[in-house]
Amino acid sequence: MPHITERKLESYAMGTIPGRSANRLEEYLLFCPGCLNRLQSWDVYVASMKAAARTSTREHAAPLKTR
């Protein structure tokens, strides 16, 4: 079986890969440490981007009015 493409790893890390495909990908990852390592890099990247987006959203939110 060929290695998992970067696009599929990215989709999996973002949670956008369909269930059946995700299951096959997870089974493959049990036997391919190289692809698992690449997925872990995607997980770190996605987590960083989500954290940056949350920070950016908070910084641009309208300030709360106080009495």
PDB file of N, CA and C in Angstrom:
ATOM      1  N   MET A   1       0.851  -1.187   0.000  1.00  0.00           N
ATOM      2  CA  MET A   1       0.000   0.000   0.000  1.00  0.00           C
ATOM      3  C   MET A   1       0.894   1.246   0.000  1.00  0.00           C
ATOM      4  N   PRO A   2       0.582   2.223  -0.834  1.00  0.00           N
ATOM      5  CA  PRO A   2       1.390   3.455  -0.865  1.00  0.00           C
ATOM      6  C   PRO A   2       1.155   4.280   0.391  1.00  0.00           C
ATOM      7  N   HIS A   3       2.120   5.115   0.669  1.00  0.00           N
ATOM      8  CA  HIS A   3       2.011   5.993   1.837  1.00  0.00           C
ATOM      9  C   HIS A   3       0.841   6.964   1.667  1.00  0.00           C
ATOM     10  N   ILE A   4       0.368   7.485   2.776  1.00  0.00           N
ATOM     11  CA  ILE A   4      -0.757   8.415   2.788  1.00  0.00           C
ATOM     12  C   ILE A   4      -0.282   9.765   2.255  1.00  0.00           C
ATOM     13  N   THR A   5      -1.091  10.369   1.405  1.00  0.00           N
ATOM     14  CA  THR A   5      -0.725  11.669   0.835  1.00  0.00           C
ATOM     15  C   THR A   5      -0.816  12.761   1.905  1.00  0.00           C
ATOM     16  N   GLU A   6      -0.094  13.837   1.670  1.00  0.00           N
ATOM     17  CA  GLU A   6      -0.149  14.978   2.589  1.00  0.00           C
ATOM     18  C   GLU A   6      -1.571  15.538   2.675  1.00  0.00           C
ATOM     19  N   ARG A   7      -2.255  15.543   1.556  1.00  0.00           N
ATOM     20  CA  ARG A   7      -3.618  16.070   1.534  1.00  0.00           C
ATOM     21  C   ARG A   7      -4.546  15.267   2.446  1.00  0.00           C
ATOM     22  N   LYS A   8      -4.418  13.935   2.403  1.00  0.00           N
ATOM     23  CA  LYS A   8      -5.252  13.098   3.269  1.00  0.00           C
ATOM     24  C   LYS A   8      -4.865  13.265   4.736  1.00  0.00           C
ATOM     25  N   LEU A   9      -3.579  13.385   5.012  1.00  0.00           N
ATOM     26  CA  LEU A   9      -3.146  13.598   6.387  1.00  0.00           C
ATOM     27  C   LEU A   9      -3.671  14.931   6.912  1.00  0.00           C
ATOM     28  N   GLU A  10      -3.617  15.952   6.077  1.00  0.00           N
ATOM     29  CA  GLU A  10      -4.139  17.258   6.470  1.00  0.00           C
ATOM     30  C   GLU A  10      -5.641  17.171   6.736  1.00  0.00           C
ATOM     31  N   SER A  11      -6.370  16.517   5.854  1.00  0.00           N
ATOM     32  CA  SER A  11      -7.815  16.371   6.034  1.00  0.00           C
ATOM     33  C   SER A  11      -8.131  15.626   7.322  1.00  0.00           C
ATOM     34  N   TYR A  12      -7.380  14.593   7.610  1.00  0.00           N
ATOM     35  CA  TYR A  12      -7.599  13.826   8.829  1.00  0.00           C
ATOM     36  C   TYR A  12      -7.320  14.701  10.054  1.00  0.00           C
ATOM     37  N   ALA A  13      -6.221  15.426  10.025  1.00  0.00           N
ATOM     38  CA  ALA A  13      -5.862  16.294  11.152  1.00  0.00           C
ATOM     39  C   ALA A  13      -6.900  17.390  11.372  1.00  0.00           C
ATOM     40  N   MET A  14      -7.531  17.843  10.289  1.00  0.00           N
ATOM     41  CA  MET A  14      -8.544  18.888  10.385  1.00  0.00           C
ATOM     42  C   MET A  14      -9.917  18.312  10.726  1.00  0.00           C
ATOM     43  N   GLY A  15     -10.029  16.984  10.710  1.00  0.00           N
ATOM     44  CA  GLY A  15     -11.296  16.340  11.025  1.00  0.00           C
ATOM     45  C   GLY A  15     -12.308  16.386   9.904  1.00  0.00           C
ATOM     46  N   THR A  16     -11.828  16.504   8.674  1.00  0.00           N
ATOM     47  CA  THR A  16     -12.741  16.633   7.539  1.00  0.00           C
ATOM     48  C   THR A  16     -12.765  15.405   6.637  1.00  0.00           C
ATOM     49  N   ILE A  17     -12.098  14.342   7.033  1.00  0.00           N
ATOM     50  CA  ILE A  17     -12.084  13.131   6.207  1.00  0.00           C
ATOM     51  C   ILE A  17     -13.294  12.266   6.610  1.00  0.00           C
ATOM     52  N   PRO A  18     -14.015  11.708   5.635  1.00  0.00           N
ATOM     53  CA  PRO A  18     -15.192  10.896   5.950  1.00  0.00           C
ATOM     54  C   PRO A  18     -14.866   9.690   6.839  1.00  0.00           C
ATOM     55  N   GLY A  19     -15.848   9.240   7.596  1.00  0.00           N
ATOM     56  CA  GLY A  19     -15.673   8.173   8.578  1.00  0.00           C
ATOM     57  C   GLY A  19     -15.006   6.910   8.081  1.00  0.00           C
ATOM     58  N   ARG A  20     -15.497   6.344   6.984  1.00  0.00           N
ATOM     59  CA  ARG A  20     -14.929   5.089   6.469  1.00  0.00           C
ATOM     60  C   ARG A  20     -13.480   5.287   6.033  1.00  0.00           C
ATOM     61  N   SER A  21     -13.206   6.402   5.386  1.00  0.00           N
ATOM     62  CA  SER A  21     -11.825   6.699   4.976  1.00  0.00           C
ATOM     63  C   SER A  21     -10.936   6.913   6.194  1.00  0.00           C
ATOM     64  N   ALA A  22     -11.486   7.552   7.209  1.00  0.00           N
ATOM     65  CA  ALA A  22     -10.727   7.780   8.445  1.00  0.00           C
ATOM     66  C   ALA A  22     -10.371   6.440   9.091  1.00  0.00           C
ATOM     67  N   ASN A  23     -11.310   5.515   9.090  1.00  0.00           N
ATOM     68  CA  ASN A  23     -11.046   4.199   9.678  1.00  0.00           C
ATOM     69  C   ASN A  23      -9.922   3.473   8.950  1.00  0.00           C
ATOM     70  N   ARG A  24      -9.939   3.508   7.621  1.00  0.00           N
ATOM     71  CA  ARG A  24      -8.872   2.864   6.839  1.00  0.00           C
ATOM     72  C   ARG A  24      -7.531   3.534   7.101  1.00  0.00           C
ATOM     73  N   LEU A  25      -7.551   4.855   7.165  1.00  0.00           N
ATOM     74  CA  LEU A  25      -6.323   5.604   7.425  1.00  0.00           C
ATOM     75  C   LEU A  25      -5.762   5.236   8.796  1.00  0.00           C
ATOM     76  N   GLU A  26      -6.624   5.152   9.799  1.00  0.00           N
ATOM     77  CA  GLU A  26      -6.182   4.798  11.152  1.00  0.00           C
ATOM     78  C   GLU A  26      -5.583   3.391  11.195  1.00  0.00           C
ATOM     79  N   GLU A  27      -6.195   2.457  10.474  1.00  0.00           N
ATOM     80  CA  GLU A  27      -5.649   1.097  10.415  1.00  0.00           C
ATOM     81  C   GLU A  27      -4.258   1.102   9.789  1.00  0.00           C
ATOM     82  N   TYR A  28      -4.100   1.866   8.728  1.00  0.00           N
ATOM     83  CA  TYR A  28      -2.797   1.946   8.055  1.00  0.00           C
ATOM     84  C   TYR A  28      -1.745   2.546   8.990  1.00  0.00           C
ATOM     85  N   LEU A  29      -2.137   3.560   9.753  1.00  0.00           N
ATOM     86  CA  LEU A  29      -1.188   4.229  10.642  1.00  0.00           C
ATOM     87  C   LEU A  29      -0.636   3.299  11.714  1.00  0.00           C
ATOM     88  N   LEU A  30      -1.363   2.233  12.029  1.00  0.00           N
ATOM     89  CA  LEU A  30      -0.874   1.260  13.010  1.00  0.00           C
ATOM     90  C   LEU A  30       0.389   0.563  12.527  1.00  0.00           C
ATOM     91  N   PHE A  31       0.584   0.518  11.205  1.00  0.00           N
ATOM     92  CA  PHE A  31       1.699  -0.229  10.632  1.00  0.00           C
ATOM     93  C   PHE A  31       2.737   0.637   9.915  1.00  0.00           C
ATOM     94  N   CYS A  32       2.506   1.938   9.873  1.00  0.00           N
ATOM     95  CA  CYS A  32       3.463   2.812   9.177  1.00  0.00           C
ATOM     96  C   CYS A  32       3.896   3.958  10.089  1.00  0.00           C
ATOM     97  N   PRO A  33       5.001   3.770  10.785  1.00  0.00           N
ATOM     98  CA  PRO A  33       5.460   4.831  11.692  1.00  0.00           C
ATOM     99  C   PRO A  33       5.826   6.127  10.969  1.00  0.00           C
ATOM    100  N   GLY A  34       6.242   6.036   9.716  1.00  0.00           N
ATOM    101  CA  GLY A  34       6.589   7.246   8.959  1.00  0.00           C
ATOM    102  C   GLY A  34       5.369   8.131   8.733  1.00  0.00           C
ATOM    103  N   CYS A  35       4.266   7.525   8.314  1.00  0.00           N
ATOM    104  CA  CYS A  35       3.032   8.289   8.095  1.00  0.00           C
ATOM    105  C   CYS A  35       2.471   8.791   9.424  1.00  0.00           C
ATOM    106  N   LEU A  36       2.581   7.976  10.477  1.00  0.00           N
ATOM    107  CA  LEU A  36       2.116   8.406  11.791  1.00  0.00           C
ATOM    108  C   LEU A  36       2.901   9.631  12.258  1.00  0.00           C
ATOM    109  N   ASN A  37       4.195   9.638  12.025  1.00  0.00           N
ATOM    110  CA  ASN A  37       5.031  10.785  12.390  1.00  0.00           C
ATOM    111  C   ASN A  37       4.622  12.025  11.600  1.00  0.00           C
ATOM    112  N   ARG A  38       4.343  11.859  10.308  1.00  0.00           N
ATOM    113  CA  ARG A  38       3.903  12.989   9.483  1.00  0.00           C
ATOM    114  C   ARG A  38       2.546  13.507   9.970  1.00  0.00           C
ATOM    115  N   LEU A  39       1.647  12.599  10.378  1.00  0.00           N
ATOM    116  CA  LEU A  39       0.350  13.017  10.905  1.00  0.00           C
ATOM    117  C   LEU A  39       0.537  13.816  12.192  1.00  0.00           C
ATOM    118  N   GLN A  40       1.438  13.391  13.046  1.00  0.00           N
ATOM    119  CA  GLN A  40       1.686  14.119  14.290  1.00  0.00           C
ATOM    120  C   GLN A  40       2.165  15.539  14.002  1.00  0.00           C
ATOM    121  N   SER A  41       2.942  15.710  12.951  1.00  0.00           N
ATOM    122  CA  SER A  41       3.364  17.057  12.559  1.00  0.00           C
ATOM    123  C   SER A  41       2.160  17.885  12.117  1.00  0.00           C
ATOM    124  N   TRP A  42       1.249  17.266  11.357  1.00  0.00           N
ATOM    125  CA  TRP A  42       0.034  17.969  10.951  1.00  0.00           C
ATOM    126  C   TRP A  42      -0.811  18.333  12.170  1.00  0.00           C
ATOM    127  N   ASP A  43      -0.906  17.418  13.144  1.00  0.00           N
ATOM    128  CA  ASP A  43      -1.683  17.691  14.356  1.00  0.00           C
ATOM    129  C   ASP A  43      -1.144  18.919  15.089  1.00  0.00           C
ATOM    130  N   VAL A  44       0.167  19.017  15.181  1.00  0.00           N
ATOM    131  CA  VAL A  44       0.792  20.176  15.839  1.00  0.00           C
ATOM    132  C   VAL A  44       0.482  21.446  15.047  1.00  0.00           C
ATOM    133  N   TYR A  45       0.592  21.376  13.737  1.00  0.00           N
ATOM    134  CA  TYR A  45       0.323  22.534  12.886  1.00  0.00           C
ATOM    135  C   TYR A  45      -1.129  22.993  13.026  1.00  0.00           C
ATOM    136  N   VAL A  46      -2.062  22.053  12.935  1.00  0.00           N
ATOM    137  CA  VAL A  46      -3.489  22.400  13.029  1.00  0.00           C
ATOM    138  C   VAL A  46      -3.801  22.993  14.398  1.00  0.00           C
ATOM    139  N   ALA A  47      -3.265  22.408  15.458  1.00  0.00           N
ATOM    140  CA  ALA A  47      -3.490  22.933  16.807  1.00  0.00           C
ATOM    141  C   ALA A  47      -2.945  24.355  16.933  1.00  0.00           C
ATOM    142  N   SER A  48      -1.794  24.619  16.344  1.00  0.00           N
ATOM    143  CA  SER A  48      -1.199  25.960  16.385  1.00  0.00           C
ATOM    144  C   SER A  48      -2.064  26.973  15.648  1.00  0.00           C
ATOM    145  N   MET A  49      -2.573  26.578  14.482  1.00  0.00           N
ATOM    146  CA  MET A  49      -3.425  27.485  13.705  1.00  0.00           C
ATOM    147  C   MET A  49      -4.746  27.768  14.428  1.00  0.00           C
ATOM    148  N   LYS A  50      -5.315  26.752  15.056  1.00  0.00           N
ATOM    149  CA  LYS A  50      -6.554  26.959  15.812  1.00  0.00           C
ATOM    150  C   LYS A  50      -6.309  27.886  17.009  1.00  0.00           C
ATOM    151  N   ALA A  51      -5.199  27.705  17.684  1.00  0.00           N
ATOM    152  CA  ALA A  51      -4.868  28.569  18.820  1.00  0.00           C
ATOM    153  C   ALA A  51      -4.658  30.009  18.353  1.00  0.00           C
ATOM    154  N   ALA A  52      -3.991  30.180  17.225  1.00  0.00           N
ATOM    155  CA  ALA A  52      -3.764  31.524  16.693  1.00  0.00           C
ATOM    156  C   ALA A  52      -5.091  32.173  16.306  1.00  0.00           C
ATOM    157  N   ALA A  53      -5.992  31.401  15.733  1.00  0.00           N
ATOM    158  CA  ALA A  53      -7.299  31.941  15.341  1.00  0.00           C
ATOM    159  C   ALA A  53      -8.094  32.359  16.573  1.00  0.00           C
ATOM    160  N   ARG A  54      -8.047  31.549  17.628  1.00  0.00           N
ATOM    161  CA  ARG A  54      -8.758  31.911  18.865  1.00  0.00           C
ATOM    162  C   ARG A  54      -8.194  33.195  19.448  1.00  0.00           C
ATOM    163  N   THR A  55      -6.885  33.328  19.464  1.00  0.00           N
ATOM    164  CA  THR A  55      -6.240  34.529  19.997  1.00  0.00           C
ATOM    165  C   THR A  55      -6.617  35.743  19.168  1.00  0.00           C
ATOM    166  N   SER A  56      -6.584  35.594  17.863  1.00  0.00           N
ATOM    167  CA  SER A  56      -6.917  36.688  16.957  1.00  0.00           C
ATOM    168  C   SER A  56      -8.368  37.120  17.155  1.00  0.00           C
ATOM    169  N   THR A  57      -9.257  36.161  17.313  1.00  0.00           N
ATOM    170  CA  THR A  57     -10.677  36.463  17.512  1.00  0.00           C
ATOM    171  C   THR A  57     -10.882  37.237  18.811  1.00  0.00           C
ATOM    172  N   ARG A  58     -10.214  36.820  19.856  1.00  0.00           N
ATOM    173  CA  ARG A  58     -10.341  37.513  21.145  1.00  0.00           C
ATOM    174  C   ARG A  58      -9.797  38.936  21.076  1.00  0.00           C
ATOM    175  N   GLU A  59      -8.712  39.119  20.357  1.00  0.00           N
ATOM    176  CA  GLU A  59      -8.098  40.447  20.260  1.00  0.00           C
ATOM    177  C   GLU A  59      -8.974  41.413  19.472  1.00  0.00           C
ATOM    178  N   HIS A  60      -9.773  40.892  18.539  1.00  0.00           N
ATOM    179  CA  HIS A  60     -10.593  41.752  17.704  1.00  0.00           C
ATOM    180  C   HIS A  60     -12.042  41.839  18.171  1.00  0.00           C
ATOM    181  N   ALA A  61     -12.356  41.181  19.252  1.00  0.00           N
ATOM    182  CA  ALA A  61     -13.722  41.223  19.772  1.00  0.00           C
ATOM    183  C   ALA A  61     -14.000  42.600  20.356  1.00  0.00           C
ATOM    184  N   ALA A  62     -15.255  43.034  20.266  1.00  0.00           N
ATOM    185  CA  ALA A  62     -15.635  44.327  20.827  1.00  0.00           C
ATOM    186  C   ALA A  62     -15.477  44.293  22.341  1.00  0.00           C
ATOM    187  N   PRO A  63     -14.940  45.341  22.916  1.00  0.00           N
ATOM    188  CA  PRO A  63     -14.786  45.361  24.376  1.00  0.00           C
ATOM    189  C   PRO A  63     -16.157  45.393  25.066  1.00  0.00           C
ATOM    190  N   LEU A  64     -16.209  44.760  26.213  1.00  0.00           N
ATOM    191  CA  LEU A  64     -17.436  44.747  26.996  1.00  0.00           C
ATOM    192  C   LEU A  64     -17.630  46.098  27.667  1.00  0.00           C
ATOM    193  N   LYS A  65     -18.855  46.552  27.686  1.00  0.00           N
ATOM    194  CA  LYS A  65     -19.167  47.816  28.366  1.00  0.00           C
ATOM    195  C   LYS A  65     -19.369  47.532  29.836  1.00  0.00           C
ATOM    196  N   THR A  66     -18.836  48.392  30.656  1.00  0.00           N
ATOM    197  CA  THR A  66     -19.035  48.256  32.105  1.00  0.00           C
ATOM    198  C   THR A  66     -19.858  49.425  32.591  1.00  0.00           C
ATOM    199  N   ARG A  67     -20.542  49.241  33.678  1.00  0.00           N
ATOM    200  CA  ARG A  67     -21.378  50.309  34.229  1.00  0.00           C
ATOM    201  C   ARG A  67     -20.617  51.183  35.158  1.00  0.00           C
TER     202      ARG A  67
END
